[in-house]
Amino acid sequence: MRRREAVLAGLAVLCLAAAQNAAPAKAETVQQKAKRHGMAKAPAGDPAMLAAFARAQRTLDGFVEALDGGLPGAGAFSVKIAVADRGKTEYFWINGLSHVGSRFSGTVNNRPEIVENVTFGQKLTFPRSQIRDWSYVKDGRMQGSFTTCVLLGREDPVQARELKAQIGLICE
């Protein structure tokens, strides 16, 4: 009898394990994907991303005005720039910004995964023309972040909506 109980117990464990393995995995959240992949990617020449870059450049004067103190209560200023190295390009958010005319300086705020000529925390100086996106927070709402909106538009709508709500991002 004891042997039969042991066999049944063993079968029960195997069935539970099989059921757990057969159960559909929970979908990855946008944040989990970002952690696992490190960065969201878009193919070179992506039309939606190019449009986001153009919009950021068109609206950059308003960002600079806010950065210069022209918008009380605005903070957490950052820009996204393109960095090229050996024929490859990677995009970095830069914070701790300052500028003199059309030359900006700030600190690299994400870890490189493609290029090797910058490091996390490195101070960079770059021309205005290198800016591909911008962002700041005012009244709990994130302004700009046009490239983020493009990337979130390609994610699960429910997860994207939740993330936008968490960070106060409104994509128009």
Protein backbone atom coordinates (compact mmCIF):
# COMPACT_ATOMS: atom_id res chain seq x y z
CA MET A 1 0.00 0.00 0.00
CA ARG A 2 2.82 2.40 0.86
CA ARG A 3 4.38 1.83 -2.54
CA ARG A 4 1.10 2.60 -4.28
CA GLU A 5 0.72 5.86 -2.27
CA ALA A 6 4.27 6.86 -3.17
CA VAL A 7 3.60 6.18 -6.87
CA LEU A 8 0.36 8.19 -6.75
CA ALA A 9 2.11 11.04 -4.95
CA GLY A 10 4.85 10.98 -7.57
CA LEU A 11 2.29 11.04 -10.38
CA ALA A 12 0.48 13.95 -8.72
CA VAL A 13 3.73 15.93 -8.57
CA LEU A 14 4.45 15.14 -12.24
CA CYS A 15 0.92 16.18 -13.26
CA LEU A 16 1.20 19.45 -11.33
CA ALA A 17 4.56 20.16 -12.91
CA ALA A 18 3.19 19.38 -16.37
CA ALA A 19 0.15 21.58 -15.75
CA GLN A 20 2.38 24.46 -14.64
CA ASN A 21 4.56 24.06 -17.73
CA ALA A 22 1.50 23.84 -19.96
CA ALA A 23 -0.15 26.94 -18.49
CA PRO A 24 0.27 29.95 -20.71
CA ALA A 25 3.00 32.28 -19.50
CA LYS A 26 1.95 35.68 -18.29
CA ALA A 27 2.65 38.33 -20.92
CA GLU A 28 5.68 40.48 -20.36
CA THR A 29 5.02 44.07 -19.39
CA VAL A 30 6.55 46.97 -21.29
CA GLN A 31 8.84 47.61 -18.31
CA GLN A 32 9.96 43.95 -18.19
CA LYS A 33 10.74 44.01 -21.91
CA ALA A 34 12.73 47.19 -21.48
CA LYS A 35 14.73 45.66 -18.62
CA ARG A 36 15.34 42.44 -20.55
CA HIS A 37 16.20 44.08 -23.87
CA GLY A 38 17.85 47.11 -22.32
CA MET A 39 16.47 49.45 -24.93
CA ALA A 40 13.65 49.63 -27.37
CA LYS A 41 14.73 49.54 -30.97
CA ALA A 42 13.32 50.86 -34.22
CA PRO A 43 14.74 50.07 -37.63
CA ALA A 44 16.91 52.71 -39.31
CA GLY A 45 14.79 54.97 -41.46
CA ASP A 46 11.58 54.11 -39.59
CA PRO A 47 9.04 56.70 -40.87
CA ALA A 48 7.26 57.16 -37.52
CA MET A 49 10.56 57.63 -35.71
CA LEU A 50 11.81 60.09 -38.33
CA ALA A 51 8.58 62.05 -37.89
CA ALA A 52 9.14 62.08 -34.09
CA PHE A 53 12.69 63.39 -34.64
CA ALA A 54 11.36 66.14 -36.91
CA ARG A 55 8.66 67.10 -34.41
CA ALA A 56 11.23 67.33 -31.63
CA GLN A 57 13.39 69.65 -33.75
CA ARG A 58 10.37 71.79 -34.76
CA THR A 59 9.34 72.26 -31.12
CA LEU A 60 12.83 72.55 -29.64
CA ASP A 61 12.60 76.33 -29.14
CA GLY A 62 9.78 75.83 -26.61
CA PHE A 63 11.86 73.23 -24.78
CA VAL A 64 14.87 75.56 -24.64
CA GLU A 65 12.68 78.37 -23.32
CA ALA A 66 11.41 76.07 -20.55
CA LEU A 67 14.98 74.90 -19.82
CA ASP A 68 16.05 78.55 -19.49
CA GLY A 69 13.43 79.12 -16.79
CA GLY A 70 10.67 80.46 -18.98
CA LEU A 71 8.17 77.92 -17.66
CA PRO A 72 7.89 78.03 -13.86
CA GLY A 73 7.44 74.60 -12.29
CA ALA A 74 9.01 72.70 -15.18
CA GLY A 75 11.81 70.27 -14.33
CA ALA A 76 13.48 66.93 -15.07
CA PHE A 77 14.79 68.21 -18.40
CA SER A 78 16.41 65.74 -20.78
CA VAL A 79 17.15 65.34 -24.45
CA LYS A 80 17.76 62.30 -26.61
CA ILE A 81 20.75 62.45 -28.91
CA ALA A 82 22.20 60.21 -31.59
CA VAL A 83 25.73 58.94 -31.02
CA ALA A 84 27.56 57.26 -33.91
CA ASP A 85 30.49 54.87 -33.56
CA ARG A 86 32.04 52.75 -36.31
CA GLY A 87 29.01 52.94 -38.58
CA LYS A 88 26.45 52.21 -35.85
CA THR A 89 24.11 54.65 -34.13
CA GLU A 90 22.60 54.50 -30.67
CA TYR A 91 20.30 56.97 -28.93
CA PHE A 92 20.88 58.26 -25.41
CA TRP A 93 18.85 60.31 -22.98
CA ILE A 94 20.97 63.13 -21.59
CA ASN A 95 20.07 64.88 -18.34
CA GLY A 96 21.66 67.55 -16.15
CA LEU A 97 21.38 69.88 -19.13
CA SER A 98 22.86 73.26 -19.77
CA HIS A 99 23.45 75.16 -22.97
CA VAL A 100 25.27 78.12 -24.42
CA GLY A 101 23.64 79.14 -27.66
CA SER A 102 23.21 76.03 -29.78
CA ARG A 103 25.78 73.93 -27.82
CA PHE A 104 24.30 71.68 -25.13
CA SER A 105 25.99 69.73 -22.35
CA GLY A 106 24.69 67.00 -20.09
CA THR A 107 25.19 63.54 -18.66
CA VAL A 108 24.52 60.23 -20.44
CA ASN A 109 21.61 58.61 -18.60
CA ASN A 110 21.49 55.12 -20.11
CA ARG A 111 24.04 52.38 -20.63
CA PRO A 112 25.44 51.88 -24.13
CA GLU A 113 24.61 48.59 -25.83
CA ILE A 114 25.76 49.25 -29.39
CA VAL A 115 28.35 52.01 -29.47
CA GLU A 116 31.54 51.98 -27.44
CA ASN A 117 32.55 55.64 -27.54
CA VAL A 118 30.35 56.78 -24.60
CA THR A 119 29.71 55.51 -21.09
CA PHE A 120 26.90 55.83 -18.58
CA GLY A 121 27.38 59.02 -16.57
CA GLN A 122 29.75 60.57 -19.10
CA LYS A 123 29.46 64.32 -19.65
CA LEU A 124 28.89 65.21 -23.32
CA THR A 125 28.72 68.43 -25.27
CA PHE A 126 26.80 68.35 -28.54
CA PRO A 127 25.16 70.65 -31.08
CA ARG A 128 21.44 71.36 -31.11
CA SER A 129 21.20 69.55 -34.45
CA GLN A 130 22.08 66.26 -32.72
CA ILE A 131 18.94 66.37 -30.53
CA ARG A 132 16.34 63.79 -31.61
CA ASP A 133 13.84 64.19 -28.77
CA TRP A 134 13.29 66.18 -25.60
CA SER A 135 11.37 65.80 -22.39
CA TYR A 136 10.47 67.65 -19.21
CA VAL A 137 7.85 67.36 -16.50
CA LYS A 138 5.36 70.11 -15.65
CA ASP A 139 2.44 69.67 -13.26
CA GLY A 140 3.01 65.91 -13.12
CA ARG A 141 2.82 65.52 -16.89
CA MET A 142 5.67 64.57 -19.15
CA GLN A 143 6.04 66.89 -22.13
CA GLY A 144 7.72 65.87 -25.39
CA SER A 145 9.05 62.29 -25.45
CA PHE A 146 7.87 61.90 -29.03
CA THR A 147 10.08 58.85 -29.66
CA THR A 148 8.75 57.18 -26.51
CA CYS A 149 5.23 57.69 -27.84
CA VAL A 150 6.21 56.00 -31.12
CA LEU A 151 7.69 53.01 -29.30
CA LEU A 152 4.76 52.69 -26.90
CA GLY A 153 2.40 52.77 -29.88
CA ARG A 154 3.91 49.42 -30.89
CA GLU A 155 3.29 47.76 -27.54
CA ASP A 156 0.24 46.12 -26.03
CA PRO A 157 -2.32 48.98 -25.79
CA VAL A 158 -3.33 48.20 -22.21
CA GLN A 159 0.26 48.06 -20.98
CA ALA A 160 1.20 51.18 -22.93
CA ARG A 161 -1.77 53.06 -21.45
CA GLU A 162 -0.78 51.96 -17.92
CA LEU A 163 2.84 53.05 -18.41
CA LYS A 164 1.79 56.41 -19.86
CA ALA A 165 -0.46 56.94 -16.84
CA GLN A 166 2.39 56.06 -14.45
CA ILE A 167 4.81 58.55 -16.01
CA GLY A 168 2.23 61.20 -16.91
CA LEU A 169 2.88 60.95 -20.65
CA ILE A 170 0.25 62.09 -23.11
CA CYS A 171 0.90 61.05 -26.70
CA GLU A 172 -0.89 63.15 -29.29
